[in-house]
N, C-alpha and C. Protein backbone atom coordinates (compact mmCIF):
# COMPACT_ATOMS: atom_id res chain seq x y z
N UNK A 1 -6.09 -6.34 -17.14
CA UNK A 1 -4.70 -6.68 -17.39
C UNK A 1 -4.14 -7.39 -16.16
N UNK A 2 -3.33 -8.41 -16.37
CA UNK A 2 -2.77 -9.09 -15.21
C UNK A 2 -1.56 -8.32 -14.66
N UNK A 3 -1.10 -8.74 -13.50
CA UNK A 3 -0.04 -8.01 -12.79
C UNK A 3 1.24 -7.89 -13.61
N UNK A 4 1.62 -8.95 -14.32
CA UNK A 4 2.84 -8.93 -15.15
C UNK A 4 2.73 -7.85 -16.24
N UNK A 5 1.58 -7.81 -16.90
CA UNK A 5 1.39 -6.82 -17.95
C UNK A 5 1.32 -5.40 -17.38
N UNK A 6 0.69 -5.26 -16.23
CA UNK A 6 0.63 -3.95 -15.58
C UNK A 6 2.04 -3.46 -15.24
N UNK A 7 2.85 -4.35 -14.69
CA UNK A 7 4.22 -4.00 -14.34
C UNK A 7 5.03 -3.62 -15.59
N UNK A 8 4.86 -4.38 -16.65
CA UNK A 8 5.53 -4.07 -17.92
C UNK A 8 5.10 -2.71 -18.44
N UNK A 9 3.82 -2.42 -18.35
CA UNK A 9 3.28 -1.13 -18.78
C UNK A 9 3.90 0.00 -17.96
N UNK A 10 3.98 -0.19 -16.64
CA UNK A 10 4.59 0.82 -15.77
C UNK A 10 6.05 1.07 -16.14
N UNK A 11 6.79 -0.01 -16.33
CA UNK A 11 8.21 0.11 -16.68
C UNK A 11 8.39 0.80 -18.03
N UNK A 12 7.54 0.47 -19.00
CA UNK A 12 7.62 1.10 -20.32
C UNK A 12 7.31 2.58 -20.22
N UNK A 13 6.36 2.93 -19.39
CA UNK A 13 6.00 4.34 -19.21
C UNK A 13 7.14 5.09 -18.52
N UNK A 14 7.64 4.54 -17.42
CA UNK A 14 8.70 5.22 -16.67
C UNK A 14 10.00 5.34 -17.45
N UNK A 15 10.28 4.39 -18.31
CA UNK A 15 11.55 4.41 -19.06
C UNK A 15 11.63 5.56 -20.05
N UNK A 16 10.51 6.19 -20.32
CA UNK A 16 10.49 7.30 -21.28
C UNK A 16 10.90 8.64 -20.66
N UNK A 17 11.12 8.64 -19.36
CA UNK A 17 11.43 9.90 -18.67
C UNK A 17 12.79 9.83 -17.99
N UNK A 18 13.47 10.97 -17.98
CA UNK A 18 14.74 11.07 -17.27
C UNK A 18 14.42 11.42 -15.82
N UNK A 19 14.26 10.37 -15.03
CA UNK A 19 13.92 10.52 -13.62
C UNK A 19 14.99 9.79 -12.82
N UNK A 20 15.36 10.37 -11.69
CA UNK A 20 16.32 9.75 -10.77
C UNK A 20 15.92 8.30 -10.50
N UNK A 21 16.92 7.41 -10.44
CA UNK A 21 16.67 5.98 -10.26
C UNK A 21 15.87 5.69 -8.99
N UNK A 22 16.22 6.35 -7.89
CA UNK A 22 15.50 6.14 -6.63
C UNK A 22 14.05 6.57 -6.75
N UNK A 23 13.82 7.69 -7.43
CA UNK A 23 12.46 8.18 -7.63
C UNK A 23 11.67 7.21 -8.51
N UNK A 24 12.31 6.64 -9.51
CA UNK A 24 11.63 5.65 -10.36
C UNK A 24 11.19 4.44 -9.54
N UNK A 25 12.05 4.01 -8.63
CA UNK A 25 11.70 2.87 -7.77
C UNK A 25 10.51 3.23 -6.90
N UNK A 26 10.54 4.41 -6.33
CA UNK A 26 9.43 4.87 -5.48
C UNK A 26 8.13 4.95 -6.27
N UNK A 27 8.20 5.51 -7.45
CA UNK A 27 7.00 5.63 -8.29
C UNK A 27 6.48 4.26 -8.70
N UNK A 28 7.39 3.36 -9.04
CA UNK A 28 7.00 2.00 -9.42
C UNK A 28 6.29 1.29 -8.27
N UNK A 29 6.83 1.43 -7.06
CA UNK A 29 6.18 0.83 -5.90
C UNK A 29 4.82 1.46 -5.64
N UNK A 30 4.72 2.76 -5.82
CA UNK A 30 3.44 3.45 -5.64
C UNK A 30 2.41 2.95 -6.63
N UNK A 31 2.82 2.67 -7.86
CA UNK A 31 1.90 2.15 -8.86
C UNK A 31 1.40 0.75 -8.47
N UNK A 32 2.29 -0.06 -7.92
CA UNK A 32 1.89 -1.39 -7.45
C UNK A 32 0.89 -1.26 -6.30
N UNK A 33 1.19 -0.38 -5.37
CA UNK A 33 0.31 -0.15 -4.23
C UNK A 33 -1.06 0.33 -4.70
N UNK A 34 -1.07 1.23 -5.66
CA UNK A 34 -2.33 1.75 -6.19
C UNK A 34 -3.17 0.63 -6.78
N UNK A 35 -2.54 -0.27 -7.51
CA UNK A 35 -3.27 -1.39 -8.11
C UNK A 35 -3.83 -2.31 -7.02
N UNK A 36 -3.03 -2.58 -6.00
CA UNK A 36 -3.48 -3.45 -4.92
C UNK A 36 -4.66 -2.84 -4.17
N UNK A 37 -4.57 -1.54 -3.89
CA UNK A 37 -5.67 -0.88 -3.19
C UNK A 37 -6.92 -0.80 -4.05
N UNK A 38 -6.76 -0.55 -5.33
CA UNK A 38 -7.92 -0.52 -6.23
C UNK A 38 -8.59 -1.88 -6.28
N UNK A 39 -7.78 -2.94 -6.35
CA UNK A 39 -8.31 -4.30 -6.37
C UNK A 39 -9.03 -4.63 -5.05
N UNK A 40 -8.43 -4.22 -3.94
CA UNK A 40 -9.05 -4.45 -2.63
C UNK A 40 -10.37 -3.69 -2.52
N UNK A 41 -10.39 -2.46 -3.01
CA UNK A 41 -11.62 -1.66 -2.99
C UNK A 41 -12.71 -2.34 -3.82
N UNK A 42 -12.34 -2.83 -4.97
CA UNK A 42 -13.30 -3.52 -5.84
C UNK A 42 -13.82 -4.80 -5.18
N UNK A 43 -12.91 -5.56 -4.58
CA UNK A 43 -13.25 -6.84 -3.96
C UNK A 43 -14.16 -6.66 -2.74
N UNK A 44 -13.88 -5.64 -1.93
CA UNK A 44 -14.60 -5.48 -0.67
C UNK A 44 -15.72 -4.45 -0.73
N UNK A 45 -15.72 -3.62 -1.79
CA UNK A 45 -16.71 -2.56 -1.87
C UNK A 45 -16.43 -1.41 -0.92
N UNK A 46 -15.21 -1.34 -0.42
CA UNK A 46 -14.81 -0.29 0.51
C UNK A 46 -13.94 0.73 -0.22
N UNK A 47 -14.34 2.00 -0.20
CA UNK A 47 -13.50 3.03 -0.84
C UNK A 47 -12.13 3.11 -0.16
N UNK A 48 -11.10 3.38 -0.94
CA UNK A 48 -9.74 3.47 -0.42
C UNK A 48 -9.67 4.48 0.73
N UNK A 49 -10.40 5.57 0.61
CA UNK A 49 -10.37 6.62 1.64
C UNK A 49 -10.86 6.11 2.99
N UNK A 50 -11.63 5.05 3.01
CA UNK A 50 -12.16 4.51 4.26
C UNK A 50 -11.34 3.34 4.81
N UNK A 51 -10.28 2.97 4.12
CA UNK A 51 -9.46 1.85 4.56
C UNK A 51 -8.46 2.32 5.61
N UNK A 52 -8.51 1.69 6.78
CA UNK A 52 -7.55 1.98 7.84
C UNK A 52 -6.44 0.92 7.79
N UNK A 53 -5.42 1.12 8.58
CA UNK A 53 -4.31 0.16 8.62
C UNK A 53 -4.80 -1.24 8.98
N UNK A 54 -5.69 -1.31 9.97
CA UNK A 54 -6.23 -2.60 10.41
C UNK A 54 -6.94 -3.31 9.26
N UNK A 55 -7.78 -2.58 8.54
CA UNK A 55 -8.52 -3.14 7.41
C UNK A 55 -7.57 -3.66 6.34
N UNK A 56 -6.56 -2.86 6.00
CA UNK A 56 -5.60 -3.25 4.96
C UNK A 56 -4.83 -4.50 5.39
N UNK A 57 -4.35 -4.51 6.62
CA UNK A 57 -3.59 -5.65 7.12
C UNK A 57 -4.44 -6.91 7.14
N UNK A 58 -5.67 -6.80 7.63
CA UNK A 58 -6.55 -7.97 7.69
C UNK A 58 -6.86 -8.52 6.30
N UNK A 59 -7.08 -7.64 5.35
CA UNK A 59 -7.49 -8.09 4.02
C UNK A 59 -6.33 -8.49 3.11
N UNK A 60 -5.19 -7.83 3.22
CA UNK A 60 -4.06 -8.19 2.35
C UNK A 60 -3.20 -9.30 2.93
N UNK A 61 -3.06 -9.34 4.26
CA UNK A 61 -2.24 -10.38 4.90
C UNK A 61 -3.09 -11.53 5.41
N UNK A 62 -4.41 -11.36 5.35
CA UNK A 62 -5.34 -12.39 5.79
C UNK A 62 -5.07 -12.81 7.24
N UNK A 63 -4.97 -11.80 8.12
CA UNK A 63 -4.77 -12.04 9.54
C UNK A 63 -5.85 -11.30 10.33
N UNK A 64 -6.07 -11.73 11.55
CA UNK A 64 -6.99 -11.03 12.44
C UNK A 64 -6.18 -10.04 13.26
N UNK A 65 -6.61 -8.79 13.28
CA UNK A 65 -5.93 -7.74 14.04
C UNK A 65 -6.84 -7.34 15.19
N UNK A 66 -6.33 -7.51 16.40
CA UNK A 66 -7.13 -7.17 17.58
C UNK A 66 -6.99 -5.69 17.91
N UNK A 67 -7.94 -5.20 18.68
CA UNK A 67 -7.86 -3.81 19.14
C UNK A 67 -6.62 -3.62 20.01
N UNK A 68 -6.26 -4.65 20.78
CA UNK A 68 -5.07 -4.57 21.63
C UNK A 68 -3.82 -4.38 20.79
N UNK A 69 -3.72 -5.05 19.66
CA UNK A 69 -2.56 -4.89 18.78
C UNK A 69 -2.50 -3.47 18.20
N UNK A 70 -3.66 -2.94 17.86
CA UNK A 70 -3.73 -1.57 17.35
C UNK A 70 -3.29 -0.60 18.46
N UNK A 71 -3.78 -0.84 19.68
CA UNK A 71 -3.40 0.01 20.82
C UNK A 71 -1.91 -0.10 21.12
N UNK A 72 -1.34 -1.30 21.03
CA UNK A 72 0.10 -1.48 21.25
C UNK A 72 0.92 -0.68 20.25
N UNK A 73 0.49 -0.66 19.01
CA UNK A 73 1.20 0.11 17.98
C UNK A 73 1.14 1.61 18.31
N UNK A 74 -0.02 2.06 18.78
CA UNK A 74 -0.16 3.47 19.16
C UNK A 74 0.74 3.81 20.34
N UNK A 75 0.91 2.88 21.27
CA UNK A 75 1.80 3.10 22.41
C UNK A 75 3.25 3.25 21.97
N UNK A 76 3.66 2.47 20.99
CA UNK A 76 5.02 2.57 20.46
C UNK A 76 5.24 3.97 19.90
N UNK A 77 4.28 4.46 19.15
CA UNK A 77 4.39 5.80 18.57
C UNK A 77 4.48 6.85 19.67
N UNK A 78 3.66 6.72 20.70
CA UNK A 78 3.69 7.67 21.81
C UNK A 78 5.03 7.66 22.52
N UNK A 79 5.62 6.48 22.71
CA UNK A 79 6.93 6.40 23.34
C UNK A 79 8.01 7.08 22.51
N UNK A 80 7.95 6.90 21.20
CA UNK A 80 8.92 7.52 20.32
C UNK A 80 8.77 9.05 20.36
N UNK A 81 7.54 9.52 20.38
CA UNK A 81 7.31 10.97 20.41
C UNK A 81 7.79 11.60 21.72
N UNK A 82 7.80 10.85 22.81
CA UNK A 82 8.24 11.37 24.10
C UNK A 82 9.75 11.54 24.17
N UNK A 83 10.47 10.84 23.32
CA UNK A 83 11.96 10.89 23.35
C UNK A 83 12.47 12.21 22.85
């Protein structure tokens, strides 16, 4: 099924339940993410459980992620935790 039909299917499914609007948005986004990760897993042969942030960024955004960039992100987290 293509993305448009998948999205329509998700909306039709969600519309049958009395769920908070914000929660519906969250669930809808999660369904999109699940499809993207499943497609990436199929394309690369890598199980979702083995995908790290670097792998996802490189494959979905088509960019090269250096170890230094990964380390810089970790430093930001460490600084926030120290506050």
